[in-house]
Amino acid sequence: MNGLRQFKAKAIIFDKDGTLIDFDSMWGGWALYLAGQLQLVSGLDVRDALCHAMGYDQHNRKVLAGGRLASRPMAQLREITRDVMQSLGLTRETAEQAVEDAWCIPDPVMLAKPLTDMRALFSRLYKLGIKVGIATADDRAPTQAMIEAFDLGDYISAMVCGDDGLNSKPSPDMVLALCERMQVNPSHTMVIGDTASDMKMARAAGAGLAVGVLSGVSTARDLVSYADALLESVDELHTYLTGLADDTSSLTSSDLDPDFAF
């Protein structure tokens, strides 16, 4: 990460899956497993229709950027699943029952493969006085389970989740809510995510920096129009933080560089 300019953020808001946690390990097989469960309870071959509706490429085993699986909260994914079952000929009531019988969620701990040493990263942010927020489309219970499993609770100032009742990404609501709770102006906040929805959310909220990572569902082409900077993964933030720590004495809380890039 050559030429990274110093940017003294007061808070960094992270997306979870695809940014902190490997997305395909967590969600890649979920659509296929759910399709199998639905076939068991309904007798219908739903795999192709469900994967298409969710935005999952079966051949390449890849969640598609811009697909529903990449950004929709669980409640909406459940509605999509019901609609798929109805499209295959079931009544609404029968479709609802099939989804109820088959529904499952990925294990938030066993399937969580970190894309960096999250505890080391968050503790460094804490020591530098930079607040940490989480903005995820996943529900609160599995998100909290992941945080507890990796012993991150002491370092996270606030989080908003897909079932918290806020408008989903790319609405600015998650970022605005987190900034209010952390008492940080959005313009002093860096938002890091792996989808265009994350970047659009950051821009709509007036975040100081929208930083895309290429560790999730998106390519550089998907993100470049919306991101102020691109990283291969959040692991590169360790280099950024080393630079901040080395030069802390020359920075003040107002030394924010909107031209952060590399």
C-alpha atoms as a PDB file:
ATOM      1  CA  MET A   1       0.000   0.000   0.000  1.00  0.00           C
ATOM      2  CA  ASN A   2       2.467   2.567  -1.281  1.00  0.00           C
ATOM      3  CA  GLY A   3       1.822   6.274  -1.023  1.00  0.00           C
ATOM      4  CA  LEU A   4      -1.018   5.988   1.473  1.00  0.00           C
ATOM      5  CA  ARG A   5      -1.715   9.456   2.746  1.00  0.00           C
ATOM      6  CA  GLN A   6      -2.433   9.998   6.392  1.00  0.00           C
ATOM      7  CA  PHE A   7      -6.079  10.240   7.228  1.00  0.00           C
ATOM      8  CA  LYS A   8      -6.970  10.730  10.883  1.00  0.00           C
ATOM      9  CA  ALA A   9     -10.434   9.198  11.077  1.00  0.00           C
ATOM     10  CA  LYS A  10     -12.347   9.472  14.324  1.00  0.00           C
ATOM     11  CA  ALA A  11     -14.330   6.315  13.543  1.00  0.00           C
ATOM     12  CA  ILE A  12     -14.255   3.423  11.089  1.00  0.00           C
ATOM     13  CA  ILE A  13     -17.472   1.601  10.202  1.00  0.00           C
ATOM     14  CA  PHE A  14     -16.990  -1.932   8.874  1.00  0.00           C
ATOM     15  CA  ASP A  15     -19.330  -4.126   6.898  1.00  0.00           C
ATOM     16  CA  LYS A  16     -19.121  -7.699   8.231  1.00  0.00           C
ATOM     17  CA  ASP A  17     -19.410 -10.461   5.621  1.00  0.00           C
ATOM     18  CA  GLY A  18     -16.972 -10.023   2.768  1.00  0.00           C
ATOM     19  CA  THR A  19     -15.084  -7.353   4.693  1.00  0.00           C
ATOM     20  CA  LEU A  20     -14.201  -8.855   8.072  1.00  0.00           C
ATOM     21  CA  ILE A  21     -15.421 -12.407   7.402  1.00  0.00           C
ATOM     22  CA  ASP A  22     -15.007 -14.482   4.242  1.00  0.00           C
ATOM     23  CA  PHE A  23     -18.346 -14.149   2.462  1.00  0.00           C
ATOM     24  CA  ASP A  24     -18.380 -17.352   0.439  1.00  0.00           C
ATOM     25  CA  SER A  25     -17.318 -19.472   3.403  1.00  0.00           C
ATOM     26  CA  MET A  26     -20.215 -18.060   5.384  1.00  0.00           C
ATOM     27  CA  TRP A  27     -22.921 -17.841   2.709  1.00  0.00           C
ATOM     28  CA  GLY A  28     -21.688 -19.612  -0.405  1.00  0.00           C
ATOM     29  CA  GLY A  29     -23.134 -23.016   0.377  1.00  0.00           C
ATOM     30  CA  TRP A  30     -26.131 -21.736   2.280  1.00  0.00           C
ATOM     31  CA  ALA A  31     -28.338 -21.245  -0.778  1.00  0.00           C
ATOM     32  CA  LEU A  32     -27.561 -24.778  -1.962  1.00  0.00           C
ATOM     33  CA  TYR A  33     -28.236 -26.282   1.451  1.00  0.00           C
ATOM     34  CA  LEU A  34     -31.484 -24.356   1.766  1.00  0.00           C
ATOM     35  CA  ALA A  35     -32.515 -25.520  -1.702  1.00  0.00           C
ATOM     36  CA  GLY A  36     -31.925 -29.115  -0.628  1.00  0.00           C
ATOM     37  CA  GLN A  37     -34.017 -28.658   2.506  1.00  0.00           C
ATOM     38  CA  LEU A  38     -36.820 -27.077   0.499  1.00  0.00           C
ATOM     39  CA  GLN A  39     -36.775 -29.998  -1.928  1.00  0.00           C
ATOM     40  CA  LEU A  40     -37.091 -32.422   0.982  1.00  0.00           C
ATOM     41  CA  VAL A  41     -40.184 -30.728   2.396  1.00  0.00           C
ATOM     42  CA  SER A  42     -41.889 -29.869  -0.914  1.00  0.00           C
ATOM     43  CA  GLY A  43     -40.743 -32.471  -3.419  1.00  0.00           C
ATOM     44  CA  LEU A  44     -39.812 -29.692  -5.855  1.00  0.00           C
ATOM     45  CA  ASP A  45     -36.414 -29.135  -7.481  1.00  0.00           C
ATOM     46  CA  VAL A  46     -35.869 -25.529  -6.426  1.00  0.00           C
ATOM     47  CA  ARG A  47     -32.109 -25.173  -6.743  1.00  0.00           C
ATOM     48  CA  ASP A  48     -31.891 -23.303 -10.051  1.00  0.00           C
ATOM     49  CA  ALA A  49     -34.749 -20.949  -9.270  1.00  0.00           C
ATOM     50  CA  LEU A  50     -33.521 -20.198  -5.760  1.00  0.00           C
ATOM     51  CA  CYS A  51     -29.902 -19.592  -6.796  1.00  0.00           C
ATOM     52  CA  HIS A  52     -31.043 -17.299  -9.598  1.00  0.00           C
ATOM     53  CA  ALA A  53     -33.287 -15.317  -7.248  1.00  0.00           C
ATOM     54  CA  MET A  54     -30.599 -15.051  -4.580  1.00  0.00           C
ATOM     55  CA  GLY A  55     -27.781 -14.153  -6.967  1.00  0.00           C
ATOM     56  CA  TYR A  56     -25.591 -17.223  -6.534  1.00  0.00           C
ATOM     57  CA  ASP A  57     -23.482 -18.653  -9.380  1.00  0.00           C
ATOM     58  CA  GLN A  58     -23.663 -22.420  -8.887  1.00  0.00           C
ATOM     59  CA  HIS A  59     -21.047 -23.202 -11.531  1.00  0.00           C
ATOM     60  CA  ASN A  60     -18.363 -20.963 -10.034  1.00  0.00           C
ATOM     61  CA  ARG A  61     -19.665 -21.268  -6.463  1.00  0.00           C
ATOM     62  CA  LYS A  62     -19.632 -17.499  -6.121  1.00  0.00           C
ATOM     63  CA  VAL A  63     -22.051 -14.994  -4.658  1.00  0.00           C
ATOM     64  CA  LEU A  64     -22.704 -12.385  -7.328  1.00  0.00           C
ATOM     65  CA  ALA A  65     -21.976  -8.726  -6.709  1.00  0.00           C
ATOM     66  CA  GLY A  66     -25.237  -6.817  -6.788  1.00  0.00           C
ATOM     67  CA  GLY A  67     -27.260  -9.964  -6.096  1.00  0.00           C
ATOM     68  CA  ARG A  68     -29.729 -10.183  -3.274  1.00  0.00           C
ATOM     69  CA  LEU A  69     -27.631 -12.608  -1.249  1.00  0.00           C
ATOM     70  CA  ALA A  70     -24.814 -10.067  -1.222  1.00  0.00           C
ATOM     71  CA  SER A  71     -26.717  -7.328   0.566  1.00  0.00           C
ATOM     72  CA  ARG A  72     -30.261  -8.191   1.626  1.00  0.00           C
ATOM     73  CA  PRO A  73     -31.136  -8.846   5.299  1.00  0.00           C
ATOM     74  CA  MET A  74     -32.345 -12.291   6.337  1.00  0.00           C
ATOM     75  CA  ALA A  75     -35.997 -11.242   6.539  1.00  0.00           C
ATOM     76  CA  GLN A  76     -35.931 -10.217   2.877  1.00  0.00           C
ATOM     77  CA  LEU A  77     -34.083 -13.381   1.859  1.00  0.00           C
ATOM     78  CA  ARG A  78     -36.834 -15.372   3.525  1.00  0.00           C
ATOM     79  CA  GLU A  79     -39.479 -13.447   1.571  1.00  0.00           C
ATOM     80  CA  ILE A  80     -37.541 -14.087  -1.643  1.00  0.00           C
ATOM     81  CA  THR A  81     -37.451 -17.797  -0.823  1.00  0.00           C
ATOM     82  CA  ARG A  82     -41.215 -17.840  -0.304  1.00  0.00           C
ATOM     83  CA  ASP A  83     -41.731 -16.046  -3.633  1.00  0.00           C
ATOM     84  CA  VAL A  84     -39.562 -18.658  -5.373  1.00  0.00           C
ATOM     85  CA  MET A  85     -41.682 -21.449  -3.934  1.00  0.00           C
ATOM     86  CA  GLN A  86     -44.845 -19.706  -5.120  1.00  0.00           C
ATOM     87  CA  SER A  87     -43.340 -19.281  -8.601  1.00  0.00           C
ATOM     88  CA  LEU A  88     -42.945 -23.067  -8.726  1.00  0.00           C
ATOM     89  CA  GLY A  89     -46.666 -23.591  -8.249  1.00  0.00           C
ATOM     90  CA  LEU A  90     -47.277 -23.601  -4.507  1.00  0.00           C
ATOM     91  CA  THR A  91     -49.982 -21.483  -2.958  1.00  0.00           C
ATOM     92  CA  ARG A  92     -48.846 -18.672  -0.691  1.00  0.00           C
ATOM     93  CA  GLU A  93     -49.872 -20.666   2.383  1.00  0.00           C
ATOM     94  CA  THR A  94     -48.114 -23.830   1.215  1.00  0.00           C
ATOM     95  CA  ALA A  95     -45.038 -21.854   0.257  1.00  0.00           C
ATOM     96  CA  GLU A  96     -44.949 -20.196   3.682  1.00  0.00           C
ATOM     97  CA  GLN A  97     -45.156 -23.596   5.371  1.00  0.00           C
ATOM     98  CA  ALA A  98     -42.401 -25.059   3.194  1.00  0.00           C
ATOM     99  CA  VAL A  99     -40.098 -22.169   4.053  1.00  0.00           C
ATOM    100  CA  GLU A 100     -40.976 -22.476   7.735  1.00  0.00           C
ATOM    101  CA  ASP A 101     -40.104 -26.177   7.703  1.00  0.00           C
ATOM    102  CA  ALA A 102     -36.868 -25.776   5.726  1.00  0.00           C
ATOM    103  CA  TRP A 103     -35.480 -22.468   6.970  1.00  0.00           C
ATOM    104  CA  CYS A 104     -32.001 -22.358   8.464  1.00  0.00           C
ATOM    105  CA  ILE A 105     -29.171 -19.862   8.820  1.00  0.00           C
ATOM    106  CA  PRO A 106     -25.398 -20.309   8.511  1.00  0.00           C
ATOM    107  CA  ASP A 107     -23.555 -21.053  11.734  1.00  0.00           C
ATOM    108  CA  PRO A 108     -22.147 -17.614  12.671  1.00  0.00           C
ATOM    109  CA  VAL A 109     -19.154 -19.082  14.506  1.00  0.00           C
ATOM    110  CA  MET A 110     -18.171 -22.359  12.855  1.00  0.00           C
ATOM    111  CA  LEU A 111     -18.338 -20.880   9.348  1.00  0.00           C
ATOM    112  CA  ALA A 112     -16.722 -17.534  10.221  1.00  0.00           C
ATOM    113  CA  LYS A 113     -13.287 -17.285   8.592  1.00  0.00           C
ATOM    114  CA  PRO A 114     -11.677 -13.929   9.451  1.00  0.00           C
ATOM    115  CA  LEU A 115      -9.982 -11.983   6.665  1.00  0.00           C
ATOM    116  CA  THR A 116      -7.566 -10.460   9.197  1.00  0.00           C
ATOM    117  CA  ASP A 117      -6.733 -10.762  12.873  1.00  0.00           C
ATOM    118  CA  MET A 118      -9.767  -8.776  13.955  1.00  0.00           C
ATOM    119  CA  ARG A 119      -8.810  -8.554  17.613  1.00  0.00           C
ATOM    120  CA  ALA A 120      -5.370  -7.189  16.737  1.00  0.00           C
ATOM    121  CA  LEU A 121      -6.850  -4.704  14.274  1.00  0.00           C
ATOM    122  CA  PHE A 122      -9.591  -3.469  16.583  1.00  0.00           C
ATOM    123  CA  SER A 123      -7.283  -3.200  19.583  1.00  0.00           C
ATOM    124  CA  ARG A 124      -4.909  -1.031  17.548  1.00  0.00           C
ATOM    125  CA  LEU A 125      -7.810   1.203  16.544  1.00  0.00           C
ATOM    126  CA  TYR A 126      -8.872   1.429  20.177  1.00  0.00           C
ATOM    127  CA  LYS A 127      -5.384   2.454  21.284  1.00  0.00           C
ATOM    128  CA  LEU A 128      -5.316   5.158  18.628  1.00  0.00           C
ATOM    129  CA  GLY A 129      -8.649   6.502  19.826  1.00  0.00           C
ATOM    130  CA  ILE A 130     -10.502   5.505  16.654  1.00  0.00           C
ATOM    131  CA  LYS A 131     -14.003   4.181  17.315  1.00  0.00           C
ATOM    132  CA  VAL A 132     -15.231   1.012  15.619  1.00  0.00           C
ATOM    133  CA  GLY A 133     -18.731   0.473  14.277  1.00  0.00           C
ATOM    134  CA  ILE A 134     -20.285  -2.509  12.489  1.00  0.00           C
ATOM    135  CA  ALA A 135     -22.956  -2.111   9.787  1.00  0.00           C
ATOM    136  CA  THR A 136     -24.213  -5.461   8.521  1.00  0.00           C
ATOM    137  CA  ALA A 137     -27.215  -6.840   6.667  1.00  0.00           C
ATOM    138  CA  ASP A 138     -26.964  -9.937   8.858  1.00  0.00           C
ATOM    139  CA  ASP A 139     -29.218 -10.232  11.907  1.00  0.00           C
ATOM    140  CA  ARG A 140     -28.139  -9.111  15.365  1.00  0.00           C
ATOM    141  CA  ALA A 141     -28.062 -12.516  17.089  1.00  0.00           C
ATOM    142  CA  PRO A 142     -25.544 -14.171  14.722  1.00  0.00           C
ATOM    143  CA  THR A 143     -23.514 -10.968  14.524  1.00  0.00           C
ATOM    144  CA  GLN A 144     -23.296 -10.809  18.301  1.00  0.00           C
ATOM    145  CA  ALA A 145     -22.345 -14.492  18.407  1.00  0.00           C
ATOM    146  CA  MET A 146     -19.466 -13.844  16.015  1.00  0.00           C
ATOM    147  CA  ILE A 147     -18.278 -10.842  18.039  1.00  0.00           C
ATOM    148  CA  GLU A 148     -18.309 -12.861  21.248  1.00  0.00           C
ATOM    149  CA  ALA A 149     -16.555 -15.827  19.616  1.00  0.00           C
ATOM    150  CA  PHE A 150     -13.640 -13.612  18.550  1.00  0.00           C
ATOM    151  CA  ASP A 151     -13.642 -11.614  21.807  1.00  0.00           C
ATOM    152  CA  LEU A 152     -14.195  -8.280  20.079  1.00  0.00           C
ATOM    153  CA  GLY A 153     -16.851  -6.744  22.299  1.00  0.00           C
ATOM    154  CA  ASP A 154     -14.522  -4.416  24.209  1.00  0.00           C
ATOM    155  CA  TYR A 155     -13.403  -2.723  21.001  1.00  0.00           C
ATOM    156  CA  ILE A 156     -16.724  -2.131  19.226  1.00  0.00           C
ATOM    157  CA  SER A 157     -18.494   1.115  20.075  1.00  0.00           C
ATOM    158  CA  ALA A 158     -21.757   0.379  18.232  1.00  0.00           C
ATOM    159  CA  MET A 159     -23.321  -1.852  15.619  1.00  0.00           C
ATOM    160  CA  VAL A 160     -26.448  -1.889  13.481  1.00  0.00           C
ATOM    161  CA  CYS A 161     -27.859  -5.053  11.940  1.00  0.00           C
ATOM    162  CA  GLY A 162     -30.333  -6.106   9.308  1.00  0.00           C
ATOM    163  CA  ASP A 163     -33.142  -6.769  11.774  1.00  0.00           C
ATOM    164  CA  ASP A 164     -32.801  -3.485  13.678  1.00  0.00           C
ATOM    165  CA  GLY A 165     -35.622  -1.856  11.739  1.00  0.00           C
ATOM    166  CA  LEU A 166     -33.480   0.581   9.725  1.00  0.00           C
ATOM    167  CA  ASN A 167     -33.625   0.938   5.961  1.00  0.00           C
ATOM    168  CA  SER A 168     -31.169  -1.445   4.352  1.00  0.00           C
ATOM    169  CA  LYS A 169     -28.097  -0.500   2.327  1.00  0.00           C
ATOM    170  CA  PRO A 170     -27.579   1.615   0.210  1.00  0.00           C
ATOM    171  CA  SER A 171     -29.722   3.839   2.422  1.00  0.00           C
ATOM    172  CA  PRO A 172     -27.531   6.065   4.620  1.00  0.00           C
ATOM    173  CA  ASP A 173     -29.498   5.111   7.745  1.00  0.00           C
ATOM    174  CA  MET A 174     -27.014   2.598   9.159  1.00  0.00           C
ATOM    175  CA  VAL A 175     -24.053   4.966   8.932  1.00  0.00           C
ATOM    176  CA  LEU A 176     -26.046   7.897  10.306  1.00  0.00           C
ATOM    177  CA  ALA A 177     -27.322   5.820  13.231  1.00  0.00           C
ATOM    178  CA  LEU A 178     -23.836   4.579  14.075  1.00  0.00           C
ATOM    179  CA  CYS A 179     -22.311   8.039  13.876  1.00  0.00           C
ATOM    180  CA  GLU A 180     -25.000   9.375  16.182  1.00  0.00           C
ATOM    181  CA  ARG A 181     -24.395   6.591  18.704  1.00  0.00           C
ATOM    182  CA  MET A 182     -20.626   7.017  18.522  1.00  0.00           C
ATOM    183  CA  GLN A 183     -20.969  10.825  18.616  1.00  0.00           C
ATOM    184  CA  VAL A 184     -18.824  11.235  15.514  1.00  0.00           C
ATOM    185  CA  ASN A 185     -19.611  13.394  12.510  1.00  0.00           C
ATOM    186  CA  PRO A 186     -20.010  11.279   9.344  1.00  0.00           C
ATOM    187  CA  SER A 187     -17.442  13.476   7.598  1.00  0.00           C
ATOM    188  CA  HIS A 188     -14.869  12.234  10.131  1.00  0.00           C
ATOM    189  CA  THR A 189     -15.772   8.603   9.486  1.00  0.00           C
ATOM    190  CA  MET A 190     -14.322   5.975   7.175  1.00  0.00           C
ATOM    191  CA  VAL A 191     -16.722   3.310   5.862  1.00  0.00           C
ATOM    192  CA  ILE A 192     -15.237   0.025   4.632  1.00  0.00           C
ATOM    193  CA  GLY A 193     -17.197  -2.572   2.688  1.00  0.00           C
ATOM    194  CA  ASP A 194     -17.085  -5.023  -0.197  1.00  0.00           C
ATOM    195  CA  THR A 195     -20.161  -3.994  -2.208  1.00  0.00           C
ATOM    196  CA  ALA A 196     -21.377  -1.026  -4.198  1.00  0.00           C
ATOM    197  CA  SER A 197     -24.244  -0.819  -1.708  1.00  0.00           C
ATOM    198  CA  ASP A 198     -21.712  -0.231   1.083  1.00  0.00           C
ATOM    199  CA  MET A 199     -20.034   2.517  -0.918  1.00  0.00           C
ATOM    200  CA  LYS A 200     -23.320   4.158  -1.911  1.00  0.00           C
ATOM    201  CA  MET A 201     -24.437   4.047   1.735  1.00  0.00           C
ATOM    202  CA  ALA A 202     -21.225   5.809   2.765  1.00  0.00           C
ATOM    203  CA  ARG A 203     -21.600   8.514   0.151  1.00  0.00           C
ATOM    204  CA  ALA A 204     -25.295   9.069   0.901  1.00  0.00           C
ATOM    205  CA  ALA A 205     -24.451   9.523   4.583  1.00  0.00           C
ATOM    206  CA  GLY A 206     -21.688  12.031   3.855  1.00  0.00           C
ATOM    207  CA  ALA A 207     -18.923   9.786   5.162  1.00  0.00           C
ATOM    208  CA  GLY A 208     -15.422  11.197   4.902  1.00  0.00           C
ATOM    209  CA  LEU A 209     -14.133   8.160   3.035  1.00  0.00           C
ATOM    210  CA  ALA A 210     -15.720   5.207   1.281  1.00  0.00           C
ATOM    211  CA  VAL A 211     -13.148   2.406   1.114  1.00  0.00           C
ATOM    212  CA  GLY A 212     -13.865  -0.710  -0.928  1.00  0.00           C
ATOM    213  CA  VAL A 213     -12.239  -4.068  -0.279  1.00  0.00           C
ATOM    214  CA  LEU A 214     -11.747  -6.755  -2.914  1.00  0.00           C
ATOM    215  CA  SER A 215     -12.000  -9.640  -0.447  1.00  0.00           C
ATOM    216  CA  GLY A 216     -15.753 -10.097  -0.853  1.00  0.00           C
ATOM    217  CA  VAL A 217     -18.217 -10.357  -3.718  1.00  0.00           C
ATOM    218  CA  SER A 218     -17.055  -7.391  -5.819  1.00  0.00           C
ATOM    219  CA  THR A 219     -14.284  -6.673  -8.288  1.00  0.00           C
ATOM    220  CA  ALA A 220     -12.446  -3.390  -8.624  1.00  0.00           C
ATOM    221  CA  ARG A 221     -14.655  -2.587 -11.614  1.00  0.00           C
ATOM    222  CA  ASP A 222     -17.757  -2.996  -9.436  1.00  0.00           C
ATOM    223  CA  LEU A 223     -16.468  -0.570  -6.800  1.00  0.00           C
ATOM    224  CA  VAL A 224     -14.243   1.966  -8.514  1.00  0.00           C
ATOM    225  CA  SER A 225     -17.070   4.345  -9.435  1.00  0.00           C
ATOM    226  CA  TYR A 226     -18.214   4.639  -5.817  1.00  0.00           C
ATOM    227  CA  ALA A 227     -15.123   4.154  -3.653  1.00  0.00           C
ATOM    228  CA  ASP A 228     -12.542   6.774  -2.693  1.00  0.00           C
ATOM    229  CA  ALA A 229      -9.951   4.033  -2.300  1.00  0.00           C
ATOM    230  CA  LEU A 230      -9.647   0.279  -2.819  1.00  0.00           C
ATOM    231  CA  LEU A 231      -7.832  -2.270  -0.669  1.00  0.00           C
ATOM    232  CA  GLU A 232      -7.202  -5.929  -1.359  1.00  0.00           C
ATOM    233  CA  SER A 233      -8.528  -6.612   2.148  1.00  0.00           C
ATOM    234  CA  VAL A 234      -8.849  -5.008   5.573  1.00  0.00           C
ATOM    235  CA  ASP A 235      -5.554  -6.685   6.418  1.00  0.00           C
ATOM    236  CA  GLU A 236      -3.913  -3.716   4.665  1.00  0.00           C
ATOM    237  CA  LEU A 237      -5.253  -1.447   7.394  1.00  0.00           C
ATOM    238  CA  HIS A 238      -2.444  -2.663   9.661  1.00  0.00           C
ATOM    239  CA  THR A 239       0.000  -0.775   7.427  1.00  0.00           C
ATOM    240  CA  TYR A 240      -2.229   2.303   7.515  1.00  0.00           C
ATOM    241  CA  LEU A 241      -2.388   2.178  11.316  1.00  0.00           C
ATOM    242  CA  THR A 242       1.381   1.801  11.595  1.00  0.00           C
ATOM    243  CA  GLY A 243       1.694   5.020   9.641  1.00  0.00           C
ATOM    244  CA  LEU A 244      -0.781   6.754  11.923  1.00  0.00           C
ATOM    245  CA  ALA A 245       1.000   5.570  15.050  1.00  0.00           C
ATOM    246  CA  ASP A 246       4.370   6.738  13.726  1.00  0.00           C
ATOM    247  CA  ASP A 247       3.039  10.204  12.969  1.00  0.00           C
ATOM    248  CA  THR A 248       0.456  10.736  15.721  1.00  0.00           C
ATOM    249  CA  SER A 249       2.376  13.619  17.263  1.00  0.00           C
ATOM    250  CA  SER A 250       1.991  15.666  14.083  1.00  0.00           C
ATOM    251  CA  LEU A 251      -1.754  15.104  13.750  1.00  0.00           C
ATOM    252  CA  THR A 252      -4.747  16.640  15.462  1.00  0.00           C
ATOM    253  CA  SER A 253      -8.369  15.539  15.411  1.00  0.00           C
ATOM    254  CA  SER A 254      -9.047  17.990  12.574  1.00  0.00           C
ATOM    255  CA  ASP A 255      -6.283  16.742  10.292  1.00  0.00           C
ATOM    256  CA  LEU A 256      -8.554  14.852   7.906  1.00  0.00           C
ATOM    257  CA  ASP A 257      -7.439  14.372   4.321  1.00  0.00           C
ATOM    258  CA  PRO A 258     -10.401  13.908   1.935  1.00  0.00           C
ATOM    259  CA  ASP A 259      -7.937  12.940  -0.802  1.00  0.00           C
ATOM    260  CA  PHE A 260      -7.025   9.689   0.968  1.00  0.00           C
ATOM    261  CA  ALA A 261      -5.833   7.410  -1.833  1.00  0.00           C
ATOM    262  CA  PHE A 262      -2.967   5.268  -2.965  1.00  0.00           C
END
